Amino acid sequence: MEIKEAILAFSQSEKIKTGLIWASQLLELHRGLPDSERRGSERTIKAIVDMIANEIRLSSRVAANASWKGVERAVDQGMIMINSGVASESVAHLTLALSRVTGISHDSMSFLRERGML
């Protein structure tokens, strides 16, 4: 890993972690909505998870780290659950993605600290 990649990985991972937390919270709110409001809620959640997936794909290009593929797989599985009509089941997949992104963040932060950048 180079310094530029570590900085980009750290920055992207923090942004993605925030998005995953927001999406998970929205899924919890979605669970409590009446049926008449669920369709709109689902569309909003799909749009947010899709934006997160795009950020993950960008991150895997600008901050090469094999762990991004695992994050992408977990988010894709979450999207499959949302598209299958069991949106609340996707929280487990998004939580797995969050855990993996946290690992990327930690690794890049440690790399930067070792080099006196943080």
N, C-alpha and C. Protein backbone atom coordinates (compact mmCIF):
# COMPACT_ATOMS: atom_id res chain seq x y z
N MET A 1 0.85 -1.17 0.00
CA MET A 1 0.00 0.00 0.00
C MET A 1 0.89 1.24 0.00
N GLU A 2 0.49 2.21 -0.76
CA GLU A 2 1.21 3.48 -0.79
C GLU A 2 0.42 4.51 0.01
N ILE A 3 1.07 5.61 0.33
CA ILE A 3 0.43 6.64 1.16
C ILE A 3 -0.84 7.17 0.51
N LYS A 4 -0.78 7.45 -0.78
CA LYS A 4 -1.95 7.98 -1.47
C LYS A 4 -3.11 6.98 -1.39
N GLU A 5 -2.83 5.71 -1.61
CA GLU A 5 -3.87 4.69 -1.52
C GLU A 5 -4.44 4.59 -0.12
N ALA A 6 -3.57 4.68 0.88
CA ALA A 6 -4.03 4.60 2.27
C ALA A 6 -4.94 5.77 2.61
N ILE A 7 -4.58 6.95 2.14
CA ILE A 7 -5.41 8.14 2.40
C ILE A 7 -6.77 7.97 1.74
N LEU A 8 -6.77 7.53 0.48
CA LEU A 8 -8.03 7.33 -0.23
C LEU A 8 -8.86 6.22 0.41
N ALA A 9 -8.20 5.13 0.83
CA ALA A 9 -8.93 4.03 1.48
C ALA A 9 -9.56 4.50 2.78
N PHE A 10 -8.81 5.27 3.56
CA PHE A 10 -9.34 5.77 4.82
C PHE A 10 -10.52 6.69 4.58
N SER A 11 -10.36 7.62 3.66
CA SER A 11 -11.42 8.58 3.36
C SER A 11 -12.67 7.87 2.84
N GLN A 12 -12.50 6.99 1.88
CA GLN A 12 -13.63 6.28 1.30
C GLN A 12 -14.31 5.38 2.33
N SER A 13 -13.50 4.72 3.15
CA SER A 13 -14.09 3.79 4.12
C SER A 13 -14.95 4.54 5.13
N GLU A 14 -14.53 5.72 5.53
CA GLU A 14 -15.33 6.50 6.47
C GLU A 14 -16.66 6.92 5.83
N LYS A 15 -16.62 7.31 4.57
CA LYS A 15 -17.84 7.69 3.87
C LYS A 15 -18.78 6.49 3.71
N ILE A 16 -18.21 5.35 3.37
CA ILE A 16 -19.02 4.15 3.16
C ILE A 16 -19.60 3.65 4.48
N LYS A 17 -18.81 3.72 5.55
CA LYS A 17 -19.34 3.31 6.85
C LYS A 17 -20.56 4.14 7.21
N THR A 18 -20.49 5.43 6.99
CA THR A 18 -21.63 6.30 7.29
C THR A 18 -22.85 5.89 6.48
N GLY A 19 -22.65 5.66 5.19
CA GLY A 19 -23.76 5.24 4.34
C GLY A 19 -24.37 3.92 4.78
N LEU A 20 -23.54 2.97 5.16
CA LEU A 20 -24.05 1.68 5.62
C LEU A 20 -24.85 1.81 6.91
N ILE A 21 -24.39 2.67 7.80
CA ILE A 21 -25.13 2.89 9.05
C ILE A 21 -26.48 3.54 8.75
N TRP A 22 -26.48 4.54 7.88
CA TRP A 22 -27.74 5.19 7.52
C TRP A 22 -28.70 4.19 6.87
N ALA A 23 -28.20 3.39 5.94
CA ALA A 23 -29.05 2.42 5.26
C ALA A 23 -29.63 1.42 6.26
N SER A 24 -28.82 0.96 7.19
CA SER A 24 -29.31 0.02 8.20
C SER A 24 -30.39 0.65 9.07
N GLN A 25 -30.20 1.91 9.44
CA GLN A 25 -31.21 2.60 10.23
C GLN A 25 -32.51 2.77 9.44
N LEU A 26 -32.38 3.08 8.17
CA LEU A 26 -33.58 3.21 7.32
C LEU A 26 -34.31 1.89 7.20
N LEU A 27 -33.56 0.80 7.12
CA LEU A 27 -34.19 -0.52 7.04
C LEU A 27 -34.95 -0.84 8.33
N GLU A 28 -34.42 -0.42 9.45
CA GLU A 28 -35.13 -0.62 10.72
C GLU A 28 -36.41 0.21 10.75
N LEU A 29 -36.35 1.43 10.26
CA LEU A 29 -37.56 2.27 10.18
C LEU A 29 -38.58 1.67 9.21
N HIS A 30 -38.07 1.16 8.10
CA HIS A 30 -38.91 0.54 7.06
C HIS A 30 -39.75 -0.59 7.65
N ARG A 31 -39.14 -1.34 8.54
CA ARG A 31 -39.82 -2.49 9.15
C ARG A 31 -41.10 -2.06 9.87
N GLY A 32 -41.11 -0.87 10.45
CA GLY A 32 -42.26 -0.41 11.22
C GLY A 32 -43.29 0.38 10.43
N LEU A 33 -43.05 0.58 9.15
CA LEU A 33 -43.99 1.37 8.35
C LEU A 33 -45.22 0.56 7.96
N PRO A 34 -46.35 1.25 7.80
CA PRO A 34 -47.53 0.56 7.28
C PRO A 34 -47.30 0.16 5.81
N ASP A 35 -48.01 -0.86 5.37
CA ASP A 35 -47.82 -1.38 4.01
C ASP A 35 -47.96 -0.30 2.94
N SER A 36 -48.82 0.67 3.18
CA SER A 36 -49.05 1.72 2.18
C SER A 36 -47.82 2.59 1.95
N GLU A 37 -46.89 2.62 2.90
CA GLU A 37 -45.70 3.45 2.78
C GLU A 37 -44.43 2.66 2.46
N ARG A 38 -44.53 1.36 2.46
CA ARG A 38 -43.34 0.53 2.28
C ARG A 38 -42.73 0.62 0.89
N ARG A 39 -43.56 0.74 -0.14
CA ARG A 39 -43.03 0.78 -1.51
C ARG A 39 -42.12 1.99 -1.71
N GLY A 40 -42.54 3.14 -1.25
CA GLY A 40 -41.72 4.35 -1.36
C GLY A 40 -40.46 4.25 -0.53
N SER A 41 -40.59 3.68 0.64
CA SER A 41 -39.45 3.48 1.52
C SER A 41 -38.42 2.55 0.86
N GLU A 42 -38.92 1.47 0.27
CA GLU A 42 -38.03 0.52 -0.40
C GLU A 42 -37.27 1.18 -1.55
N ARG A 43 -37.95 1.99 -2.32
CA ARG A 43 -37.27 2.67 -3.45
C ARG A 43 -36.17 3.59 -2.95
N THR A 44 -36.44 4.29 -1.86
CA THR A 44 -35.43 5.18 -1.28
C THR A 44 -34.23 4.38 -0.78
N ILE A 45 -34.50 3.30 -0.09
CA ILE A 45 -33.42 2.46 0.43
C ILE A 45 -32.60 1.86 -0.71
N LYS A 46 -33.27 1.40 -1.75
CA LYS A 46 -32.55 0.85 -2.92
C LYS A 46 -31.61 1.89 -3.52
N ALA A 47 -32.10 3.12 -3.64
CA ALA A 47 -31.27 4.19 -4.21
C ALA A 47 -30.04 4.44 -3.34
N ILE A 48 -30.22 4.46 -2.04
CA ILE A 48 -29.09 4.71 -1.13
C ILE A 48 -28.10 3.56 -1.17
N VAL A 49 -28.58 2.32 -1.13
CA VAL A 49 -27.68 1.17 -1.17
C VAL A 49 -26.96 1.11 -2.52
N ASP A 50 -27.63 1.50 -3.58
CA ASP A 50 -26.98 1.55 -4.89
C ASP A 50 -25.86 2.59 -4.92
N MET A 51 -26.09 3.74 -4.29
CA MET A 51 -25.03 4.76 -4.20
C MET A 51 -23.85 4.25 -3.39
N ILE A 52 -24.13 3.53 -2.32
CA ILE A 52 -23.06 2.95 -1.51
C ILE A 52 -22.27 1.94 -2.35
N ALA A 53 -22.97 1.11 -3.09
CA ALA A 53 -22.30 0.12 -3.95
C ALA A 53 -21.39 0.81 -4.98
N ASN A 54 -21.85 1.92 -5.53
CA ASN A 54 -21.01 2.68 -6.47
C ASN A 54 -19.75 3.20 -5.79
N GLU A 55 -19.87 3.68 -4.57
CA GLU A 55 -18.70 4.16 -3.82
C GLU A 55 -17.73 3.03 -3.53
N ILE A 56 -18.26 1.85 -3.27
CA ILE A 56 -17.40 0.68 -3.01
C ILE A 56 -16.63 0.33 -4.27
N ARG A 57 -17.30 0.32 -5.42
CA ARG A 57 -16.62 0.01 -6.69
C ARG A 57 -15.54 1.06 -6.98
N LEU A 58 -15.84 2.32 -6.72
CA LEU A 58 -14.85 3.37 -6.90
C LEU A 58 -13.66 3.13 -5.97
N SER A 59 -13.95 2.80 -4.74
CA SER A 59 -12.90 2.58 -3.75
C SER A 59 -11.97 1.44 -4.16
N SER A 60 -12.53 0.39 -4.72
CA SER A 60 -11.70 -0.75 -5.11
C SER A 60 -10.76 -0.38 -6.25
N ARG A 61 -11.11 0.66 -7.00
CA ARG A 61 -10.23 1.12 -8.09
C ARG A 61 -9.15 2.09 -7.60
N VAL A 62 -9.52 3.01 -6.74
CA VAL A 62 -8.57 4.06 -6.33
C VAL A 62 -7.73 3.67 -5.12
N ALA A 63 -8.21 2.71 -4.35
CA ALA A 63 -7.48 2.29 -3.16
C ALA A 63 -7.45 0.76 -3.14
N ALA A 64 -6.62 0.23 -4.01
CA ALA A 64 -6.56 -1.22 -4.21
C ALA A 64 -6.40 -1.96 -2.88
N ASN A 65 -7.38 -2.80 -2.60
CA ASN A 65 -7.36 -3.62 -1.40
C ASN A 65 -8.33 -4.77 -1.68
N ALA A 66 -7.86 -5.99 -1.55
CA ALA A 66 -8.69 -7.16 -1.86
C ALA A 66 -9.95 -7.21 -0.99
N SER A 67 -9.93 -6.57 0.15
CA SER A 67 -11.08 -6.59 1.06
C SER A 67 -12.31 -5.90 0.48
N TRP A 68 -12.11 -4.98 -0.46
CA TRP A 68 -13.26 -4.29 -1.05
C TRP A 68 -14.19 -5.27 -1.75
N LYS A 69 -13.66 -6.36 -2.30
CA LYS A 69 -14.51 -7.35 -2.99
C LYS A 69 -15.48 -8.00 -2.00
N GLY A 70 -14.99 -8.29 -0.78
CA GLY A 70 -15.87 -8.85 0.24
C GLY A 70 -16.96 -7.88 0.66
N VAL A 71 -16.60 -6.60 0.73
CA VAL A 71 -17.59 -5.57 1.05
C VAL A 71 -18.63 -5.52 -0.06
N GLU A 72 -18.16 -5.54 -1.29
CA GLU A 72 -19.08 -5.47 -2.44
C GLU A 72 -20.03 -6.67 -2.45
N ARG A 73 -19.51 -7.86 -2.17
CA ARG A 73 -20.36 -9.06 -2.13
C ARG A 73 -21.43 -8.95 -1.05
N ALA A 74 -21.05 -8.46 0.12
CA ALA A 74 -22.02 -8.33 1.22
C ALA A 74 -23.12 -7.33 0.86
N VAL A 75 -22.75 -6.21 0.26
CA VAL A 75 -23.75 -5.21 -0.13
C VAL A 75 -24.63 -5.76 -1.25
N ASP A 76 -24.04 -6.49 -2.19
CA ASP A 76 -24.84 -7.11 -3.25
C ASP A 76 -25.86 -8.09 -2.68
N GLN A 77 -25.45 -8.86 -1.68
CA GLN A 77 -26.38 -9.79 -1.03
C GLN A 77 -27.50 -9.02 -0.34
N GLY A 78 -27.15 -7.90 0.29
CA GLY A 78 -28.17 -7.06 0.91
C GLY A 78 -29.16 -6.54 -0.10
N MET A 79 -28.67 -6.13 -1.26
CA MET A 79 -29.55 -5.62 -2.32
C MET A 79 -30.45 -6.73 -2.85
N ILE A 80 -29.94 -7.95 -2.91
CA ILE A 80 -30.77 -9.08 -3.34
C ILE A 80 -31.94 -9.25 -2.38
N MET A 81 -31.67 -9.13 -1.09
CA MET A 81 -32.73 -9.26 -0.09
C MET A 81 -33.77 -8.14 -0.26
N ILE A 82 -33.29 -6.94 -0.49
CA ILE A 82 -34.21 -5.81 -0.68
C ILE A 82 -35.07 -6.04 -1.92
N ASN A 83 -34.43 -6.44 -3.02
CA ASN A 83 -35.16 -6.69 -4.27
C ASN A 83 -36.11 -7.87 -4.17
N SER A 84 -35.86 -8.78 -3.24
CA SER A 84 -36.70 -9.96 -3.07
C SER A 84 -37.90 -9.70 -2.16
N GLY A 85 -38.01 -8.49 -1.66
CA GLY A 85 -39.14 -8.14 -0.81
C GLY A 85 -38.95 -8.45 0.66
N VAL A 86 -37.74 -8.81 1.04
CA VAL A 86 -37.44 -9.07 2.46
C VAL A 86 -36.34 -8.11 2.90
N ALA A 87 -36.64 -6.83 2.78
CA ALA A 87 -35.65 -5.78 3.04
C ALA A 87 -35.04 -5.88 4.43
N SER A 88 -35.83 -6.23 5.41
CA SER A 88 -35.30 -6.28 6.78
C SER A 88 -34.21 -7.34 6.93
N GLU A 89 -34.22 -8.35 6.07
CA GLU A 89 -33.20 -9.40 6.12
C GLU A 89 -31.84 -8.90 5.61
N SER A 90 -31.82 -7.78 4.94
CA SER A 90 -30.57 -7.26 4.39
C SER A 90 -29.68 -6.61 5.44
N VAL A 91 -30.23 -6.31 6.60
CA VAL A 91 -29.45 -5.66 7.65
C VAL A 91 -28.23 -6.50 8.03
N ALA A 92 -28.38 -7.80 8.09
CA ALA A 92 -27.24 -8.68 8.43
C ALA A 92 -26.13 -8.54 7.41
N HIS A 93 -26.48 -8.44 6.14
CA HIS A 93 -25.47 -8.31 5.09
C HIS A 93 -24.79 -6.94 5.15
N LEU A 94 -25.57 -5.91 5.41
CA LEU A 94 -24.99 -4.57 5.52
C LEU A 94 -24.10 -4.46 6.75
N THR A 95 -24.46 -5.18 7.81
CA THR A 95 -23.62 -5.20 9.01
C THR A 95 -22.29 -5.89 8.74
N LEU A 96 -22.33 -6.97 7.97
CA LEU A 96 -21.09 -7.66 7.56
C LEU A 96 -20.24 -6.72 6.73
N ALA A 97 -20.86 -6.00 5.79
CA ALA A 97 -20.12 -5.03 4.97
C ALA A 97 -19.50 -3.95 5.86
N LEU A 98 -20.24 -3.49 6.84
CA LEU A 98 -19.74 -2.46 7.77
C LEU A 98 -18.52 -2.98 8.52
N SER A 99 -18.58 -4.20 8.97
CA SER A 99 -17.45 -4.79 9.68
C SER A 99 -16.20 -4.85 8.79
N ARG A 100 -16.39 -5.24 7.54
CA ARG A 100 -15.25 -5.33 6.62
C ARG A 100 -14.70 -3.95 6.28
N VAL A 101 -15.57 -2.97 6.12
CA VAL A 101 -15.10 -1.61 5.83
C VAL A 101 -14.35 -1.06 7.03
N THR A 102 -14.81 -1.38 8.22
CA THR A 102 -14.12 -0.94 9.43
C THR A 102 -12.70 -1.51 9.45
N GLY A 103 -12.54 -2.74 9.01
CA GLY A 103 -11.21 -3.34 8.92
C GLY A 103 -10.31 -2.60 7.94
N ILE A 104 -10.86 -2.23 6.79
CA ILE A 104 -10.09 -1.46 5.80
C ILE A 104 -9.68 -0.12 6.39
N SER A 105 -10.61 0.52 7.07
CA SER A 105 -10.33 1.81 7.70
C SER A 105 -9.21 1.67 8.73
N HIS A 106 -9.29 0.65 9.54
CA HIS A 106 -8.28 0.42 10.57
C HIS A 106 -6.91 0.16 9.95
N ASP A 107 -6.88 -0.69 8.92
CA ASP A 107 -5.60 -1.01 8.27
C ASP A 107 -4.96 0.23 7.65
N SER A 108 -5.76 1.04 6.96
CA SER A 108 -5.20 2.23 6.32
C SER A 108 -4.78 3.26 7.35
N MET A 109 -5.55 3.40 8.44
CA MET A 109 -5.18 4.33 9.50
C MET A 109 -3.88 3.88 10.17
N SER A 110 -3.75 2.60 10.42
CA SER A 110 -2.51 2.08 11.02
C SER A 110 -1.31 2.32 10.11
N PHE A 111 -1.50 2.10 8.81
CA PHE A 111 -0.45 2.34 7.83
C PHE A 111 0.00 3.80 7.87
N LEU A 112 -0.97 4.70 7.91
CA LEU A 112 -0.66 6.13 7.92
C LEU A 112 0.00 6.55 9.23
N ARG A 113 -0.43 5.96 10.34
CA ARG A 113 0.21 6.27 11.62
C ARG A 113 1.66 5.83 11.65
N GLU A 114 1.93 4.64 11.14
CA GLU A 114 3.30 4.13 11.11
C GLU A 114 4.24 5.04 10.33
N ARG A 115 3.68 5.77 9.38
CA ARG A 115 4.49 6.66 8.56
C ARG A 115 4.41 8.11 9.03
N GLY A 116 3.82 8.32 10.19
CA GLY A 116 3.76 9.65 10.78
C GLY A 116 2.79 10.59 10.06
N MET A 117 1.84 10.04 9.34
CA MET A 117 0.90 10.87 8.60
C MET A 117 -0.32 11.25 9.44
N LEU A 118 -0.55 10.53 10.52
CA LEU A 118 -1.69 10.83 11.41
C LEU A 118 -1.18 11.04 12.81
